[in-house]
Protein backbone atom coordinates (compact mmCIF):
# COMPACT_ATOMS: atom_id res chain seq x y z
CA UNK A 1 -88.85 -176.33 -1.75
CA UNK A 2 -90.72 -178.08 1.05
CA UNK A 3 -94.03 -177.46 2.77
CA UNK A 4 -94.20 -177.10 6.57
CA UNK A 5 -96.94 -179.24 8.13
CA UNK A 6 -97.75 -176.61 10.78
CA UNK A 7 -97.74 -173.23 9.03
CA UNK A 8 -98.54 -174.75 5.60
CA UNK A 9 -95.96 -172.48 3.90
CA UNK A 10 -93.76 -173.54 1.01
CA UNK A 11 -90.16 -172.80 2.10
CA UNK A 12 -86.62 -173.53 0.93
CA UNK A 13 -84.81 -176.52 2.44
CA UNK A 14 -82.52 -174.28 4.50
CA UNK A 15 -85.65 -173.33 6.51
CA UNK A 16 -85.84 -176.92 7.80
CA UNK A 17 -83.53 -178.85 10.13
CA UNK A 18 -81.73 -181.80 8.58
CA UNK A 19 -83.24 -184.89 10.20
CA UNK A 20 -80.90 -187.57 8.87
CA UNK A 21 -77.58 -186.87 7.15
CA UNK A 22 -77.31 -190.36 5.68
CA UNK A 23 -80.61 -190.21 3.82
CA UNK A 24 -80.60 -186.40 3.48
CA UNK A 25 -84.08 -186.20 5.05
CA UNK A 26 -85.39 -182.93 6.44
CA UNK A 27 -87.78 -182.32 9.32
CA UNK A 28 -91.44 -181.86 8.35
CA UNK A 29 -91.74 -178.72 10.49
CA UNK A 30 -89.89 -175.52 9.58
CA UNK A 31 -87.33 -173.99 11.97
CA UNK A 32 -89.62 -171.13 12.99
CA UNK A 33 -92.52 -173.45 13.85
CA UNK A 34 -90.14 -175.82 15.66
CA UNK A 35 -88.83 -172.90 17.76
CA UNK A 36 -92.40 -171.86 18.56
CA UNK A 37 -93.28 -175.42 19.63
CA UNK A 38 -90.21 -175.59 21.87
CA UNK A 39 -91.02 -172.25 23.46
CA UNK A 40 -94.61 -173.30 24.18
CA UNK A 41 -93.41 -176.63 25.63
CA UNK A 42 -91.03 -174.83 27.99
CA UNK A 43 -93.82 -172.52 29.17
CA UNK A 44 -96.24 -175.41 29.74
CA UNK A 45 -93.62 -177.67 31.35
CA UNK A 46 -91.51 -175.18 33.29
CA UNK A 47 -90.58 -177.54 36.14
CA UNK A 48 -89.62 -180.35 33.76
CA UNK A 49 -87.63 -177.89 31.67
CA UNK A 50 -85.61 -176.78 34.69
CA UNK A 51 -85.02 -180.39 35.72
CA UNK A 52 -83.84 -181.27 32.20
CA UNK A 53 -81.38 -178.37 32.29
CA UNK A 54 -80.01 -179.52 35.67
CA UNK A 55 -79.54 -183.09 34.42
CA UNK A 56 -77.95 -181.86 31.20
CA UNK A 57 -75.50 -179.67 33.07
CA UNK A 58 -74.68 -182.41 35.59
CA UNK A 59 -73.96 -184.96 32.85
CA UNK A 60 -72.11 -182.46 30.67
CA UNK A 61 -74.45 -182.91 27.72
CA UNK A 62 -75.10 -180.23 25.13
CA UNK A 63 -78.84 -180.78 24.78
CA UNK A 64 -81.70 -182.04 26.95
CA UNK A 65 -83.90 -184.98 26.03
CA UNK A 66 -87.60 -185.53 26.71
CA UNK A 67 -88.08 -188.67 28.66
């Protein structure tokens, strides 16, 4: 069991993304809160989100990076 730092709920480890396979560390934010954060970021940064998608597609990457 692990506690999410955003929603303050005690959840099982499968509710968290694995952060580092070598050390078996999990993210401090649960998957649901992480999805909510990503959704809010995309709404607040719509132009940057579209640009990231264009760059990702052009480079043939599977995920966009903030930067």
